[in-house]
Protein backbone atom coordinates (compact mmCIF):
# COMPACT_ATOMS: atom_id res chain seq x y z
CA UNK A 1 53.94 89.98 -51.09
CA UNK A 2 55.01 89.00 -54.83
CA UNK A 3 58.85 89.22 -55.58
CA UNK A 4 59.67 91.14 -58.75
CA UNK A 5 62.07 89.05 -60.65
CA UNK A 6 64.03 90.76 -63.37
CA UNK A 7 63.09 89.63 -66.71
CA UNK A 8 65.91 87.73 -68.87
CA UNK A 9 67.44 90.06 -71.53
CA UNK A 10 65.48 89.69 -74.70
CA UNK A 11 67.84 91.09 -77.01
CA UNK A 12 71.80 91.07 -77.86
CA UNK A 13 72.93 94.54 -77.34
CA UNK A 14 75.81 95.46 -79.68
CA UNK A 15 78.59 95.45 -79.65
CA UNK A 16 78.96 92.41 -77.33
CA UNK A 17 82.50 92.70 -76.99
CA UNK A 18 83.30 96.29 -76.31
CA UNK A 19 86.80 98.05 -77.10
CA UNK A 20 89.55 96.55 -79.22
CA UNK A 21 88.07 92.99 -80.35
CA UNK A 22 88.13 92.89 -84.00
CA UNK A 23 87.92 90.00 -86.47
CA UNK A 24 85.66 87.68 -84.85
CA UNK A 25 85.56 83.91 -85.71
CA UNK A 26 82.59 82.41 -83.69
CA UNK A 27 82.10 79.03 -82.91
CA UNK A 28 79.59 76.56 -81.14
CA UNK A 29 80.35 73.27 -79.48
CA UNK A 30 77.65 71.57 -77.82
CA UNK A 31 75.88 74.42 -75.64
CA UNK A 32 78.84 76.59 -75.39
CA UNK A 33 79.59 79.41 -77.89
CA UNK A 34 83.32 81.01 -78.33
CA UNK A 35 84.55 84.09 -80.11
CA UNK A 36 88.26 84.47 -81.04
CA UNK A 37 89.61 88.01 -82.02
CA UNK A 38 92.71 89.46 -83.34
CA UNK A 39 95.31 90.99 -80.77
CA UNK A 40 98.06 92.17 -83.26
CA UNK A 41 101.10 92.87 -81.26
CA UNK A 42 99.67 92.16 -77.83
CA UNK A 43 100.21 89.20 -75.56
CA UNK A 44 98.65 86.66 -75.05
CA UNK A 45 97.82 86.42 -78.86
CA UNK A 46 94.18 85.60 -79.70
CA UNK A 47 91.49 86.76 -77.26
CA UNK A 48 88.77 84.21 -76.30
CA UNK A 49 85.27 84.77 -74.96
CA UNK A 50 82.80 82.30 -73.86
CA UNK A 51 78.81 82.49 -73.94
CA UNK A 52 76.02 80.07 -73.43
CA UNK A 53 73.25 82.74 -74.71
CA UNK A 54 74.90 84.93 -77.18
CA UNK A 55 73.95 87.87 -74.97
CA UNK A 56 76.56 87.36 -72.18
CA UNK A 57 80.05 87.07 -72.60
CA UNK A 58 83.08 86.37 -70.26
CA UNK A 59 86.66 86.79 -71.19
CA UNK A 60 88.96 83.59 -71.13
CA UNK A 61 92.17 85.32 -71.67
CA UNK A 62 94.16 84.63 -74.63
CA UNK A 63 95.32 81.37 -76.02
CA UNK A 64 98.90 81.92 -77.26
CA UNK A 65 100.78 82.60 -74.02
CA UNK A 66 104.41 82.23 -74.70
CA UNK A 67 106.68 82.64 -77.44
CA UNK A 68 106.87 79.03 -78.46
CA UNK A 69 103.63 80.06 -80.13
CA UNK A 70 104.34 83.51 -81.35
CA UNK A 71 107.45 85.54 -81.88
CA UNK A 72 106.75 89.42 -81.95
CA UNK A 73 109.77 91.12 -80.78
CA UNK A 74 110.58 93.44 -83.60
CA UNK A 75 107.04 93.25 -85.26
CA UNK A 76 105.93 96.66 -86.53
CA UNK A 77 103.02 98.41 -84.96
CA UNK A 78 99.65 96.63 -86.08
CA UNK A 79 101.49 93.37 -86.93
CA UNK A 80 101.41 90.14 -85.29
CA UNK A 81 98.20 88.20 -84.81
CA UNK A 82 95.68 88.95 -87.58
CA UNK A 83 92.41 87.13 -87.99
CA UNK A 84 92.23 83.86 -86.03
CA UNK A 85 89.96 81.09 -86.69
CA UNK A 86 88.38 78.78 -84.43
CA UNK A 87 86.88 75.41 -85.38
CA UNK A 88 86.16 72.07 -83.79
CA UNK A 89 86.60 68.13 -84.86
CA UNK A 90 87.82 65.15 -83.76
CA UNK A 91 87.29 66.20 -80.10
CA UNK A 92 89.79 68.97 -80.73
CA UNK A 93 89.76 72.80 -80.79
CA UNK A 94 91.55 74.13 -84.09
CA UNK A 95 92.91 77.44 -83.75
CA UNK A 96 94.49 79.03 -86.87
CA UNK A 97 96.17 82.14 -86.79
CA UNK A 98 98.58 84.58 -88.82
CA UNK A 99 101.75 86.20 -87.49
CA UNK A 100 102.13 89.18 -89.77
CA UNK A 101 105.85 90.32 -89.44
CA UNK A 102 105.84 92.66 -92.67
CA UNK A 103 103.35 94.69 -94.37
CA UNK A 104 103.56 97.64 -96.73
CA UNK A 105 106.21 98.17 -99.40
CA UNK A 106 104.73 95.93 -101.61
CA UNK A 107 105.85 92.79 -99.82
CA UNK A 108 103.77 90.67 -96.97
CA UNK A 109 105.28 88.28 -94.48
CA UNK A 110 102.39 86.36 -93.24
CA UNK A 111 103.34 82.83 -91.92
CA UNK A 112 100.11 81.01 -90.80
CA UNK A 113 100.00 78.26 -87.87
CA UNK A 114 97.69 75.88 -86.53
CA UNK A 115 97.50 74.84 -82.88
CA UNK A 116 95.00 72.16 -81.31
CA UNK A 117 93.50 71.64 -77.62
CA UNK A 118 91.06 69.37 -75.96
CA UNK A 119 89.80 72.38 -74.07
CA UNK A 120 89.28 75.95 -75.12
CA UNK A 121 91.66 76.95 -72.13
CA UNK A 122 94.17 74.75 -73.48
CA UNK A 123 96.86 73.31 -73.39
CA UNK A 124 97.59 74.23 -76.88
CA UNK A 125 99.75 71.79 -78.83
CA UNK A 126 103.12 72.80 -80.29
CA UNK A 127 102.46 75.14 -83.61
CA UNK A 128 102.06 73.38 -87.27
CA UNK A 129 103.46 75.56 -89.76
CA UNK A 130 101.08 76.14 -92.71
CA UNK A 131 101.67 78.21 -95.82
CA UNK A 132 102.40 81.88 -95.95
CA UNK A 133 100.47 82.83 -99.02
CA UNK A 134 98.60 85.33 -97.52
CA UNK A 135 96.75 86.37 -94.12
CA UNK A 136 93.20 85.77 -92.64
CA UNK A 137 93.61 82.06 -92.50
CA UNK A 138 90.97 79.80 -91.52
CA UNK A 139 89.91 76.11 -91.41
CA UNK A 140 86.97 74.10 -92.63
CA UNK A 141 86.15 70.66 -91.63
CA UNK A 142 83.88 68.96 -94.33
CA UNK A 143 81.32 66.17 -93.81
CA UNK A 144 83.40 63.59 -95.59
CA UNK A 145 86.18 63.87 -92.88
CA UNK A 146 88.36 66.14 -95.23
CA UNK A 147 89.69 69.36 -93.77
CA UNK A 148 90.61 72.66 -95.79
CA UNK A 149 92.65 75.66 -94.99
CA UNK A 150 91.64 78.95 -96.74
CA UNK A 151 93.27 82.50 -96.73
CA UNK A 152 93.37 85.43 -98.96
CA UNK A 153 96.17 85.50 -101.42
CA UNK A 154 98.63 88.36 -101.38
CA UNK A 155 100.49 89.27 -104.58
CA UNK A 156 103.51 91.83 -104.30
CA UNK A 157 104.22 92.03 -108.16
CA UNK A 158 103.85 95.49 -109.56
CA UNK A 159 100.83 95.98 -111.51
CA UNK A 160 98.98 93.00 -110.00
CA UNK A 161 95.93 93.15 -107.47
CA UNK A 162 97.57 92.60 -103.92
CA UNK A 163 94.55 90.93 -102.65
CA UNK A 164 94.46 88.38 -105.43
CA UNK A 165 91.57 86.01 -104.16
CA UNK A 166 90.73 83.32 -101.70
CA UNK A 167 92.92 80.25 -101.99
CA UNK A 168 92.08 76.64 -100.76
CA UNK A 169 94.37 73.87 -99.74
CA UNK A 170 93.73 70.48 -98.25
CA UNK A 171 94.93 69.79 -94.69
CA UNK A 172 95.60 66.33 -93.39
CA UNK A 173 94.81 66.19 -90.02
CA UNK A 174 96.51 62.76 -89.33
CA UNK A 175 99.73 63.95 -90.90
CA UNK A 176 99.32 67.56 -89.42
CA UNK A 177 100.16 69.16 -92.56
CA UNK A 178 98.82 70.44 -96.16
CA UNK A 179 98.83 68.55 -99.07
CA UNK A 180 97.73 69.03 -102.70
CA UNK A 181 98.31 72.32 -104.47
CA UNK A 182 96.60 75.75 -103.31
CA UNK A 183 93.79 76.59 -105.49
CA UNK A 184 92.38 80.21 -105.91
CA UNK A 185 88.44 79.39 -105.65
CA UNK A 186 87.23 83.30 -105.46
CA UNK A 187 88.46 86.51 -106.75
CA UNK A 188 85.66 88.70 -105.22
CA UNK A 189 83.52 91.40 -106.58
CA UNK A 190 83.99 94.95 -107.58
CA UNK A 191 84.24 96.10 -103.77
CA UNK A 192 87.79 94.61 -103.81
CA UNK A 193 90.26 94.05 -100.97
CA UNK A 194 88.64 90.26 -100.52
CA UNK A 195 89.86 88.74 -97.47
CA UNK A 196 88.80 86.89 -94.19
CA UNK A 197 87.50 83.67 -95.69
CA UNK A 198 84.98 81.37 -93.69
CA UNK A 199 83.40 78.38 -95.17
CA UNK A 200 80.28 76.63 -94.22
CA UNK A 201 77.97 73.74 -95.48
CA UNK A 202 74.19 73.68 -95.80
CA UNK A 203 71.64 71.79 -97.81
CA UNK A 204 74.25 70.56 -100.18
CA UNK A 205 75.76 74.09 -100.73
CA UNK A 206 79.32 75.34 -99.72
CA UNK A 207 79.01 79.04 -98.52
CA UNK A 208 81.81 80.93 -98.62
CA UNK A 209 81.67 84.38 -96.30
CA UNK A 210 84.34 86.90 -97.12
CA UNK A 211 85.08 90.45 -96.23
CA UNK A 212 85.68 93.27 -98.85
CA UNK A 213 86.19 97.03 -99.32
CA UNK A 214 88.91 97.39 -96.68
CA UNK A 215 88.49 97.64 -92.84
CA UNK A 216 87.30 101.18 -92.67
CA UNK A 217 83.94 102.84 -93.95
CA UNK A 218 83.45 100.81 -96.96
CA UNK A 219 83.88 97.38 -95.44
CA UNK A 220 81.34 94.57 -96.09
CA UNK A 221 80.37 91.02 -95.75
CA UNK A 222 80.02 89.14 -98.91
CA UNK A 223 78.48 85.63 -99.25
CA UNK A 224 79.19 83.42 -102.22
CA UNK A 225 78.08 79.83 -102.58
CA UNK A 226 78.94 76.44 -104.83
CA UNK A 227 77.95 73.13 -105.15
CA UNK A 228 81.57 72.28 -105.15
CA UNK A 229 84.13 73.07 -102.67
CA UNK A 230 86.53 74.30 -105.39
CA UNK A 231 83.93 76.55 -106.91
CA UNK A 232 82.91 78.29 -109.08
CA UNK A 233 81.18 80.64 -106.42
CA UNK A 234 78.15 82.58 -107.33
CA UNK A 235 77.79 85.87 -105.31
CA UNK A 236 74.69 86.45 -103.61
CA UNK A 237 72.53 88.51 -105.98
CA UNK A 238 71.02 90.82 -103.32
CA UNK A 239 74.48 92.41 -102.77
CA UNK A 240 76.19 92.59 -99.40
CA UNK A 241 75.09 90.48 -96.40
CA UNK A 242 76.21 93.40 -94.29
CA UNK A 243 77.73 96.95 -94.55
CA UNK A 244 77.40 100.39 -92.61
CA UNK A 245 78.56 102.20 -95.81
CA UNK A 246 75.41 103.59 -97.19
CA UNK A 247 74.56 105.02 -93.93
CA UNK A 248 76.76 107.22 -92.08
CA UNK A 249 74.00 108.10 -89.34
CA UNK A 250 74.48 104.37 -88.05
CA UNK A 251 75.84 103.96 -84.67
CA UNK A 252 77.86 100.63 -85.97
CA UNK A 253 80.21 101.74 -88.61
CA UNK A 254 82.63 99.56 -90.39
CA UNK A 255 80.67 96.53 -90.46
CA UNK A 256 82.37 93.52 -91.99
CA UNK A 257 84.70 90.64 -91.38
CA UNK A 258 81.69 88.18 -90.24
CA UNK A 259 81.42 84.70 -89.43
CA UNK A 260 78.33 82.35 -88.61
CA UNK A 261 76.94 80.18 -86.07
CA UNK A 262 73.72 78.26 -85.65
CA UNK A 263 71.96 77.30 -82.55
CA UNK A 264 71.03 73.92 -81.59
CA UNK A 265 67.21 75.15 -82.98
CA UNK A 266 68.75 76.43 -86.17
CA UNK A 267 68.85 80.03 -85.24
CA UNK A 268 71.48 81.74 -87.40
CA UNK A 269 73.76 84.37 -86.29
CA UNK A 270 76.68 86.69 -87.72
CA UNK A 271 79.58 87.77 -85.57
CA UNK A 272 81.18 90.70 -87.21
CA UNK A 273 83.23 93.77 -86.50
CA UNK A 274 82.12 97.43 -86.27
CA UNK A 275 83.68 100.70 -84.91
CA UNK A 276 81.78 103.53 -83.16
CA UNK A 277 83.06 106.86 -84.42
CA UNK A 278 83.14 109.82 -82.08
CA UNK A 279 81.55 111.86 -84.77
CA UNK A 280 79.95 110.76 -88.03
CA UNK A 281 82.63 108.95 -89.78
CA UNK A 282 84.98 110.35 -87.52
CA UNK A 283 87.60 108.69 -85.24
CA UNK A 284 86.96 105.36 -83.19
CA UNK A 285 89.23 105.75 -79.99
CA UNK A 286 87.68 102.27 -78.99
CA UNK A 287 89.08 100.58 -81.94
CA UNK A 288 87.24 97.81 -84.15
CA UNK A 289 84.62 95.75 -81.58
CA UNK A 290 82.66 92.86 -82.06
CA UNK A 291 78.70 92.79 -82.65
CA UNK A 292 76.52 89.98 -83.61
CA UNK A 293 73.34 90.14 -85.94
CA UNK A 294 70.32 87.82 -86.57
CA UNK A 295 70.55 85.95 -89.78
CA UNK A 296 67.29 84.75 -91.83
CA UNK A 297 67.76 82.30 -94.71
CA UNK A 298 65.90 83.10 -97.77
CA UNK A 299 63.33 81.19 -99.86
CA UNK A 300 66.32 80.50 -102.35
CA UNK A 301 68.92 79.69 -99.76
CA UNK A 302 70.92 82.77 -98.94
CA UNK A 303 71.95 83.62 -95.43
CA UNK A 304 71.00 87.57 -95.02
CA UNK A 305 70.82 90.16 -92.37
CA UNK A 306 67.65 92.19 -92.22
CA UNK A 307 68.32 95.58 -94.39
CA UNK A 308 72.05 94.26 -94.57
CA UNK A 309 72.67 97.02 -92.07
CA UNK A 310 74.10 96.43 -88.57
CA UNK A 311 71.44 97.10 -85.48
CA UNK A 312 72.44 98.00 -82.18
CA UNK A 313 70.01 95.75 -80.62
CA UNK A 314 68.97 92.18 -82.03
CA UNK A 315 66.47 89.54 -80.75
CA UNK A 316 68.23 87.10 -78.54
CA UNK A 317 67.88 83.30 -79.48
CA UNK A 318 65.70 81.05 -77.58
CA UNK A 319 68.31 79.93 -75.20
CA UNK A 320 68.34 80.01 -71.67
CA UNK A 321 69.90 83.24 -70.09
CA UNK A 322 73.40 82.66 -68.73
CA UNK A 323 74.89 86.00 -67.07
CA UNK A 324 78.32 85.85 -65.65
CA UNK A 325 79.80 87.59 -62.67
CA UNK A 326 81.20 91.04 -63.29
CA UNK A 327 84.72 91.68 -63.70
CA UNK A 328 86.57 93.29 -60.85
CA UNK A 329 87.33 96.92 -61.54
CA UNK A 330 90.35 96.85 -59.24
CA UNK A 331 93.43 94.80 -59.40
CA UNK A 332 95.60 94.66 -56.08
CA UNK A 333 98.34 92.56 -57.65
CA UNK A 334 97.85 89.84 -54.75
CA UNK A 335 97.27 86.71 -57.50
CA UNK A 336 100.27 84.76 -58.81
CA UNK A 337 99.62 85.48 -62.61
CA UNK A 338 98.15 88.60 -64.34
CA UNK A 339 94.18 88.44 -64.56
CA UNK A 340 92.46 88.02 -67.92
CA UNK A 341 92.06 91.85 -68.70
CA UNK A 342 95.53 92.45 -68.98
CA UNK A 343 97.91 92.22 -72.09
CA UNK A 344 101.44 93.00 -72.39
CA UNK A 345 103.17 94.34 -75.40
CA UNK A 346 105.40 92.50 -77.81
CA UNK A 347 106.84 90.13 -75.24
CA UNK A 348 104.87 87.64 -72.60
CA UNK A 349 105.19 87.98 -68.95
CA UNK A 350 108.34 86.63 -67.90
CA UNK A 351 110.73 87.24 -64.82
CA UNK A 352 113.06 88.95 -67.43
CA UNK A 353 110.90 92.11 -66.93
CA UNK A 354 107.67 91.30 -64.92
CA UNK A 355 107.06 89.84 -61.34
CA UNK A 356 104.35 89.48 -59.04
CA UNK A 357 106.46 88.01 -56.13
CA UNK A 358 109.45 90.08 -55.85
CA UNK A 359 107.48 92.62 -53.60
CA UNK A 360 104.41 90.71 -52.81
CA UNK A 361 101.01 92.65 -53.47
CA UNK A 362 102.67 94.62 -56.13
CA UNK A 363 103.13 94.41 -60.07
CA UNK A 364 106.99 94.96 -60.34
CA UNK A 365 108.15 96.13 -64.05
CA UNK A 366 111.66 96.32 -64.56
CA UNK A 367 112.32 99.24 -66.60
CA UNK A 368 112.24 98.27 -70.20
CA UNK A 369 113.46 100.08 -73.62
CA UNK A 370 112.22 103.26 -74.90
CA UNK A 371 108.64 104.14 -75.57
CA UNK A 372 109.72 103.49 -79.35
CA UNK A 373 110.91 100.15 -78.97
CA UNK A 374 109.71 97.44 -81.05
CA UNK A 375 111.62 94.89 -79.11
CA UNK A 376 111.52 94.86 -75.35
CA UNK A 377 108.88 97.21 -73.83
CA UNK A 378 107.84 96.88 -70.16
CA UNK A 379 104.00 97.76 -70.89
CA UNK A 380 101.03 96.02 -68.99
CA UNK A 381 97.83 97.46 -70.57
CA UNK A 382 94.09 96.93 -70.75
CA UNK A 383 91.69 97.73 -73.32
CA UNK A 384 89.70 100.84 -73.18
CA UNK A 385 86.11 99.67 -73.48
CA UNK A 386 84.04 102.62 -72.66
CA UNK A 387 83.96 106.05 -74.06
CA UNK A 388 83.59 107.60 -70.66
CA UNK A 389 86.25 105.81 -68.39
CA UNK A 390 89.11 106.39 -65.79
CA UNK A 391 92.13 104.43 -64.96
CA UNK A 392 94.24 105.10 -61.87
CA UNK A 393 97.27 103.24 -60.28
CA UNK A 394 99.84 103.81 -57.26
CA UNK A 395 103.28 103.58 -58.46
CA UNK A 396 106.61 103.62 -56.52
CA UNK A 397 109.79 104.25 -58.38
CA UNK A 398 112.90 106.13 -57.48
CA UNK A 399 114.49 107.54 -60.43
CA UNK A 400 118.08 109.01 -60.54
CA UNK A 401 118.15 110.19 -64.33
CA UNK A 402 115.84 111.52 -66.66
CA UNK A 403 116.21 108.55 -68.65
CA UNK A 404 114.09 106.45 -66.26
CA UNK A 405 110.44 106.58 -65.87
CA UNK A 406 107.37 104.80 -64.96
CA UNK A 407 103.53 105.58 -64.60
CA UNK A 408 100.29 105.26 -66.45
CA UNK A 409 99.71 105.72 -70.11
CA UNK A 410 96.97 106.03 -72.63
CA UNK A 411 98.57 104.06 -75.43
CA UNK A 412 97.73 103.40 -79.00
CA UNK A 413 101.12 102.36 -80.55
CA UNK A 414 104.85 103.31 -80.50
CA UNK A 415 103.92 106.66 -81.97
CA UNK A 416 100.76 107.74 -80.17
CA UNK A 417 100.35 108.01 -76.69
CA UNK A 418 100.13 110.32 -73.67
CA UNK A 419 101.93 109.27 -70.34
CA UNK A 420 101.85 110.59 -66.85
CA UNK A 421 104.84 109.60 -65.29
CA UNK A 422 107.29 109.76 -62.39
CA UNK A 423 110.96 110.67 -63.63
CA UNK A 424 113.92 112.74 -62.72
CA UNK A 425 113.93 116.59 -63.55
CA UNK A 426 117.33 118.23 -63.36
CA UNK A 427 115.67 121.31 -61.51
CA UNK A 428 113.42 119.34 -59.25
CA UNK A 429 114.58 115.78 -58.89
CA UNK A 430 111.89 113.06 -58.61
CA UNK A 431 108.86 114.53 -60.17
CA UNK A 432 105.65 113.81 -62.15
CA UNK A 433 104.69 115.19 -65.22
CA UNK A 434 103.04 114.26 -68.70
CA UNK A 435 105.01 113.38 -71.84
CA UNK A 436 103.02 113.08 -75.16
CA UNK A 437 103.95 111.45 -78.52
CA UNK A 438 101.96 112.50 -81.66
CA UNK A 439 102.87 110.46 -84.53
CA UNK A 440 106.31 110.41 -83.17
CA UNK A 441 106.92 113.92 -82.17
CA UNK A 442 107.35 114.32 -78.38
CA UNK A 443 105.68 117.04 -76.37
CA UNK A 444 106.15 117.74 -72.65
CA UNK A 445 102.93 118.89 -71.08
CA UNK A 446 101.71 119.21 -67.51
CA UNK A 447 104.31 121.32 -65.37
CA UNK A 448 106.47 119.13 -63.26
CA UNK A 449 105.59 118.47 -59.70
CA UNK A 450 108.36 117.40 -57.42
CA UNK A 451 107.79 114.23 -55.33
CA UNK A 452 109.58 114.29 -52.11
CA UNK A 453 109.39 110.48 -51.30
CA UNK A 454 108.84 108.57 -54.54
CA UNK A 455 109.44 105.25 -52.61
CA UNK A 456 106.15 105.78 -50.65
CA UNK A 457 104.44 106.01 -54.03
CA UNK A 458 102.29 108.39 -56.07
CA UNK A 459 98.75 108.01 -57.65
CA UNK A 460 98.34 108.89 -61.38
CA UNK A 461 95.06 108.90 -63.05
CA UNK A 462 93.92 109.28 -66.69
CA UNK A 463 90.38 109.99 -67.55
CA UNK A 464 88.59 109.73 -70.78
CA UNK A 465 85.58 111.48 -71.90
CA UNK A 466 84.65 111.21 -75.67
CA UNK A 467 87.41 113.01 -77.17
CA UNK A 468 89.25 114.58 -74.29
CA UNK A 469 91.81 113.11 -72.05
CA UNK A 470 92.96 114.53 -68.59
CA UNK A 471 95.79 113.48 -66.20
CA UNK A 472 95.92 113.74 -62.42
CA UNK A 473 98.43 113.34 -59.57
CA UNK A 474 98.53 112.96 -55.91
CA UNK A 475 99.88 111.23 -52.62
CA UNK A 476 98.48 107.92 -51.64
CA UNK A 477 95.19 108.78 -49.71
CA UNK A 478 95.33 112.36 -50.73
CA UNK A 479 93.09 114.53 -52.94
CA UNK A 480 94.17 114.16 -56.71
CA UNK A 481 95.48 117.35 -58.65
CA UNK A 482 94.51 117.49 -62.30
CA UNK A 483 96.88 119.06 -64.77
CA UNK A 484 95.05 121.85 -66.70
CA UNK A 485 95.79 120.60 -69.89
CA UNK A 486 93.34 118.35 -72.11
CA UNK A 487 94.68 116.18 -74.59
CA UNK A 488 93.10 114.86 -77.79
CA UNK A 489 92.17 111.18 -77.34
CA UNK A 490 90.92 110.75 -80.83
CA UNK A 491 95.10 110.67 -81.68
CA UNK A 492 94.72 106.87 -79.86
CA UNK A 493 92.64 105.65 -82.96
CA UNK A 494 92.82 103.38 -85.94
CA UNK A 495 92.05 106.46 -88.51
CA UNK A 496 94.71 108.74 -87.03
CA UNK A 497 97.41 105.89 -86.66
CA UNK A 498 96.87 105.00 -90.48
CA UNK A 499 99.83 107.14 -92.44
CA UNK A 500 99.92 106.34 -96.28
CA UNK A 501 103.15 107.49 -97.59
CA UNK A 502 102.48 105.93 -101.20
CA UNK A 503 100.21 103.23 -102.47
CA UNK A 504 102.26 100.49 -100.94
CA UNK A 505 104.13 102.09 -97.97
CA UNK A 506 102.06 102.71 -95.06
CA UNK A 507 101.68 102.40 -91.34
CA UNK A 508 98.44 100.47 -90.37
CA UNK A 509 96.32 101.23 -87.41
CA UNK A 510 94.20 98.33 -86.32
CA UNK A 511 94.29 98.03 -82.47
CA UNK A 512 92.35 100.47 -80.43
CA UNK A 513 92.99 102.26 -77.09
CA UNK A 514 94.77 100.93 -74.19
CA UNK A 515 95.38 102.20 -70.69
CA UNK A 516 98.73 100.88 -69.03
CA UNK A 517 101.09 100.49 -66.71
CA UNK A 518 104.66 101.36 -68.19
CA UNK A 519 108.46 101.47 -67.14
CA UNK A 520 111.60 102.52 -68.95
CA UNK A 521 115.37 102.65 -68.13
CA UNK A 522 117.27 103.91 -70.88
CA UNK A 523 120.47 103.38 -68.94
CA UNK A 524 120.00 99.60 -69.41
CA UNK A 525 119.84 99.34 -65.59
CA UNK A 526 116.20 97.77 -65.06
CA UNK A 527 115.47 99.87 -62.41
CA UNK A 528 112.15 98.60 -61.07
CA UNK A 529 108.80 100.22 -60.55
CA UNK A 530 106.28 98.86 -58.37
CA UNK A 531 102.42 99.22 -58.57
CA UNK A 532 100.40 98.80 -55.63
CA UNK A 533 97.15 98.54 -57.62
CA UNK A 534 95.49 99.50 -60.69
CA UNK A 535 91.53 100.40 -61.32
CA UNK A 536 89.65 100.67 -64.42
CA UNK A 537 86.27 102.17 -63.96
CA UNK A 538 83.30 103.22 -66.61
CA UNK A 539 82.04 106.71 -65.88
C-alpha cells in the first residue's frame, strides 16, 4: 500500500510573520535566515525570527532583554525601538537599533546603538552609542573591510524638510566608534519621507534601498544606486520597487520598508512590511506585519518585484523545506522564565513586579501603576496574530479597593484598550466587569458580577472576530457567561491611534493589538494577582 507523503510547500504564504512585526531587516548567515523587527515600547526589544527555507519561521524571542540595553520607562506610546538592522561580519552578529524617546512637536530624540554577539541568541555586548541624527539606523560592511552606518536625518528647524535625507558615516569596528563626518548621500524622490536605508553591493554597484511615502497607504520601497558609496545615487527609472498604493483591492496594503537577501543559489528576495485592513483601506487591527517577495534582476541591473505589487503567495526558493514545531497554545507558567510569545510593557520582567516562583505554577504580577502609566505598568502581553482568535486566563486576586484590579485586556496603547477585570465594587465587593478606554475616555461596560471567592480564581476570556470584541467570565471548570456588549476592535489599530494636533504635534500608532494579563494597585500596595494559565487560539 502506497503511503501518501505531503508535498513540501512550494510557496511563501504572506505575511510570513503575522501580527505586529514591522520594519523587517532580513539576513542570511550560511544556511540560516534571520528577521529582526521593531518592538517599540515592548520588552524584549527587537523581535528575532529564524528560518532555513524562507517559508517556515520560528520565534527566537527578543535580543534586548534588559535595561542595560534599553531604557523605556517614560517613553511615550509608539516610542522605543524603531527599525532595527541585523548584519554579520568578523564572526559576529551586529544589531543596530534606535530608541526613540521623543517625536512630534518638531523635535526628535533618536539615540542609536550597536550591540554584537557571536550567536543570534546572544549574549549581546554592552551597547555602543552611535549618533542621534535620525532613526532607522543600519550597518553596511563593505568588501574592502570598512563598515558604514546609515540612518535618516531628522531636521527640526521650521521651514525645513523634517526627513532631510539619508546620512552615511564610517564606523570603525576595531575602535567601536564612528569616525569622519556624516554625509547626506540621498535626499529621496518626490514621494517624500525618505527613511529606512539599507545598503548592498553587487556587480560594482552600491544599491540603496529606502522607504518613502510614510508608513501608511502611500508607503513604498525605493531603490537607488551608485558606483561610489557616497553617491550620487540614481533612482531606478522604473519607479518604486514595491508599493500597494495604486491598488486598494490588494490584500496586502502599506507595502514598504524593505530589505534584501540572497540565497546561496543567487535567488533574491525582499522582506517588507504590510498591513491587512478590515475593509478597503480601513483599519488594520493586526498592525504592520512582515511579508516576503521574490526579486528578479533586470537586464540593466535593477532589483525588481513583479508588477511592483505585493503578492499573497510567492514561489519559494530552491531550498530544502524546514518546518518547525507549532508553538503551544496554552502556557501553564511552569517554566522558570516567560516563553517567547510574551512581551512586557516598558520594563523588563524582574522580581520588582513579576514572579514565576512566588507561587509555583502561576504567573504572579504585583499590582503596578495605572493603565495610563508610562513608567511602571504590570502588563504581560502577546501579539494578536489572527483576525479570528481568542485569549483566556484564570486569575486569583483579592481586591479590597476599587483602586485594585487584575484581568485580561485587549490592548493597543495607554489610550486605547478594553479590560475584563476582577476589582472591587462598593455595592458588590469583589466583582468582575469590563472597563474600556477610547482615546483616553473611560467607559464602564458589562454589568458587574459578584465573585464569592476571588482567591479561588475566575476565568476571563476575550474573543476577536474581525472588528468585534466580546468578553466572558466564569468560575474554573464552569460554563462561561458572555457579557452582551460588543466592542469595536478597530480602535486597537495604528490608524485609530494616530492623532494629529497640527503638522508637528501628534500621537503615533505603530504597534498593533495585544492580548494581555494586567494588574494595577493604585494604592501603592502592590497587591499580587496570580494567573494559573493563559491560552491563545486561532478560531
